[in-house]
Amino acid sequence: MASGMTKTQLTRHLAEKLELNNKTAAAFLEHLADTAIKETKKTGIFVVPGLGRLVKAHRKARMGRNPQTGEPIQIKAKTVVKFRVAKAAKDAIAPKK
């Protein structure tokens, strides 16, 4: 399986493309991540234009099974975070045939 870009590689790539130093590019990435987390926590949604959105969602309680014993178990309700990819990004990465 192919591996993606590491944080260092992404930082260097941004620095080259935007003609910044690596420290500034790394600070930008850190600030973007912090902002995404804070906004998603506060409002329930954070949009990265052209890429997608982070959405806070609530999962209902449900019945599940213990995979070893097959015994039914109750799974508690919880809040999860989902990333929904923008249509433009989907079409650019995997166009319909």
C-alpha atoms as a PDB file:
ATOM      1  CA  MET A   1       0.000   0.000   0.000  1.00  0.00           C
ATOM      2  CA  ALA A   2       1.310   3.447  -0.867  1.00  0.00           C
ATOM      3  CA  SER A   3       2.027   5.793   2.000  1.00  0.00           C
ATOM      4  CA  GLY A   4       0.936   9.432   1.986  1.00  0.00           C
ATOM      5  CA  MET A   5       2.990  12.516   2.598  1.00  0.00           C
ATOM      6  CA  THR A   6       4.491  12.934   6.038  1.00  0.00           C
ATOM      7  CA  LYS A   7       4.035  16.167   7.948  1.00  0.00           C
ATOM      8  CA  THR A   8       7.627  17.142   7.130  1.00  0.00           C
ATOM      9  CA  GLN A   9       7.136  16.475   3.419  1.00  0.00           C
ATOM     10  CA  LEU A  10       3.896  18.461   3.401  1.00  0.00           C
ATOM     11  CA  THR A  11       5.571  21.342   5.228  1.00  0.00           C
ATOM     12  CA  ARG A  12       8.450  21.418   2.732  1.00  0.00           C
ATOM     13  CA  HIS A  13       6.051  21.231  -0.215  1.00  0.00           C
ATOM     14  CA  LEU A  14       3.985  24.165   1.111  1.00  0.00           C
ATOM     15  CA  ALA A  15       7.129  26.162   1.831  1.00  0.00           C
ATOM     16  CA  GLU A  16       8.393  25.662  -1.729  1.00  0.00           C
ATOM     17  CA  LYS A  17       5.046  26.408  -3.414  1.00  0.00           C
ATOM     18  CA  LEU A  18       4.312  29.532  -1.341  1.00  0.00           C
ATOM     19  CA  GLU A  19       7.937  30.672  -1.129  1.00  0.00           C
ATOM     20  CA  LEU A  20       7.969  30.556   2.672  1.00  0.00           C
ATOM     21  CA  ASN A  21      10.411  29.102   5.134  1.00  0.00           C
ATOM     22  CA  ASN A  22       9.696  25.686   6.660  1.00  0.00           C
ATOM     23  CA  LYS A  23       8.980  27.169  10.091  1.00  0.00           C
ATOM     24  CA  THR A  24       6.213  29.419   8.747  1.00  0.00           C
ATOM     25  CA  ALA A  25       4.665  26.594   6.719  1.00  0.00           C
ATOM     26  CA  ALA A  26       4.708  24.293   9.783  1.00  0.00           C
ATOM     27  CA  ALA A  27       3.103  27.038  11.899  1.00  0.00           C
ATOM     28  CA  PHE A  28       0.379  27.430   9.254  1.00  0.00           C
ATOM     29  CA  LEU A  29      -0.409  23.701   9.331  1.00  0.00           C
ATOM     30  CA  GLU A  30      -0.513  23.684  13.145  1.00  0.00           C
ATOM     31  CA  HIS A  31      -2.796  26.721  13.203  1.00  0.00           C
ATOM     32  CA  LEU A  32      -5.113  25.195  10.575  1.00  0.00           C
ATOM     33  CA  ALA A  33      -5.406  21.967  12.591  1.00  0.00           C
ATOM     34  CA  ASP A  34      -6.025  23.848  15.853  1.00  0.00           C
ATOM     35  CA  THR A  35      -8.667  26.040  14.224  1.00  0.00           C
ATOM     36  CA  ALA A  36     -10.397  23.023  12.652  1.00  0.00           C
ATOM     37  CA  ILE A  37     -10.559  21.244  16.012  1.00  0.00           C
ATOM     38  CA  LYS A  38     -11.809  24.284  17.936  1.00  0.00           C
ATOM     39  CA  GLU A  39     -14.452  25.229  15.362  1.00  0.00           C
ATOM     40  CA  THR A  40     -15.727  21.669  14.951  1.00  0.00           C
ATOM     41  CA  LYS A  41     -15.971  21.322  18.723  1.00  0.00           C
ATOM     42  CA  LYS A  42     -17.759  24.675  19.089  1.00  0.00           C
ATOM     43  CA  THR A  43     -20.093  24.807  16.061  1.00  0.00           C
ATOM     44  CA  GLY A  44     -20.165  21.193  14.890  1.00  0.00           C
ATOM     45  CA  ILE A  45     -18.747  21.923  11.434  1.00  0.00           C
ATOM     46  CA  PHE A  46     -15.519  23.196   9.835  1.00  0.00           C
ATOM     47  CA  VAL A  47     -15.193  23.694   6.082  1.00  0.00           C
ATOM     48  CA  VAL A  48     -11.914  23.477   4.179  1.00  0.00           C
ATOM     49  CA  PRO A  49     -12.881  25.047   0.831  1.00  0.00           C
ATOM     50  CA  GLY A  50     -12.264  22.745  -2.107  1.00  0.00           C
ATOM     51  CA  LEU A  51     -11.409  19.794   0.128  1.00  0.00           C
ATOM     52  CA  GLY A  52     -14.327  18.993   2.410  1.00  0.00           C
ATOM     53  CA  ARG A  53     -15.771  19.512   5.847  1.00  0.00           C
ATOM     54  CA  LEU A  54     -15.320  18.142   9.344  1.00  0.00           C
ATOM     55  CA  VAL A  55     -18.710  17.392  10.885  1.00  0.00           C
ATOM     56  CA  LYS A  56     -19.538  16.448  14.455  1.00  0.00           C
ATOM     57  CA  ALA A  57     -22.228  13.733  14.450  1.00  0.00           C
ATOM     58  CA  HIS A  58     -24.141  11.841  17.124  1.00  0.00           C
ATOM     59  CA  ARG A  59     -24.370   8.045  16.961  1.00  0.00           C
ATOM     60  CA  LYS A  60     -27.356   6.416  18.637  1.00  0.00           C
ATOM     61  CA  ALA A  61     -26.995   3.544  21.078  1.00  0.00           C
ATOM     62  CA  ARG A  62     -27.262   0.187  19.331  1.00  0.00           C
ATOM     63  CA  MET A  63     -26.887  -3.519  19.774  1.00  0.00           C
ATOM     64  CA  GLY A  64     -23.641  -5.158  18.686  1.00  0.00           C
ATOM     65  CA  ARG A  65     -21.954  -8.523  19.047  1.00  0.00           C
ATOM     66  CA  ASN A  66     -18.801  -9.616  20.795  1.00  0.00           C
ATOM     67  CA  PRO A  67     -16.754 -11.057  17.887  1.00  0.00           C
ATOM     68  CA  GLN A  68     -15.144 -13.765  20.047  1.00  0.00           C
ATOM     69  CA  THR A  69     -18.238 -15.121  21.772  1.00  0.00           C
ATOM     70  CA  GLY A  70     -21.062 -13.897  19.550  1.00  0.00           C
ATOM     71  CA  GLU A  71     -22.782 -12.559  22.665  1.00  0.00           C
ATOM     72  CA  PRO A  72     -24.989  -9.483  22.075  1.00  0.00           C
ATOM     73  CA  ILE A  73     -23.748  -6.315  23.773  1.00  0.00           C
ATOM     74  CA  GLN A  74     -25.148  -2.802  24.135  1.00  0.00           C
ATOM     75  CA  ILE A  75     -23.018  -0.124  22.457  1.00  0.00           C
ATOM     76  CA  LYS A  76     -23.466   3.294  24.072  1.00  0.00           C
ATOM     77  CA  ALA A  77     -24.412   6.453  22.184  1.00  0.00           C
ATOM     78  CA  LYS A  78     -21.474   8.719  21.398  1.00  0.00           C
ATOM     79  CA  THR A  79     -20.352  11.747  19.444  1.00  0.00           C
ATOM     80  CA  VAL A  80     -18.025  11.123  16.497  1.00  0.00           C
ATOM     81  CA  VAL A  81     -16.261  13.280  13.920  1.00  0.00           C
ATOM     82  CA  LYS A  82     -16.693  12.592  10.201  1.00  0.00           C
ATOM     83  CA  PHE A  83     -14.926  14.088   7.206  1.00  0.00           C
ATOM     84  CA  ARG A  84     -17.121  14.647   4.178  1.00  0.00           C
ATOM     85  CA  VAL A  85     -15.159  15.133   0.983  1.00  0.00           C
ATOM     86  CA  ALA A  86     -16.228  18.003  -1.289  1.00  0.00           C
ATOM     87  CA  LYS A  87     -17.761  17.096  -4.650  1.00  0.00           C
ATOM     88  CA  ALA A  88     -15.039  18.958  -6.537  1.00  0.00           C
ATOM     89  CA  ALA A  89     -12.326  16.947  -4.744  1.00  0.00           C
ATOM     90  CA  LYS A  90     -14.175  13.655  -5.357  1.00  0.00           C
ATOM     91  CA  ASP A  91     -14.533  14.411  -9.065  1.00  0.00           C
ATOM     92  CA  ALA A  92     -10.871  15.411  -9.380  1.00  0.00           C
ATOM     93  CA  ILE A  93      -9.572  12.314  -7.566  1.00  0.00           C
ATOM     94  CA  ALA A  94     -11.976   9.674  -8.853  1.00  0.00           C
ATOM     95  CA  PRO A  95     -13.979  10.932 -11.840  1.00  0.00           C
ATOM     96  CA  LYS A  96     -17.119   9.082 -12.853  1.00  0.00           C
ATOM     97  CA  LYS A  97     -16.746   6.891 -15.919  1.00  0.00           C
END
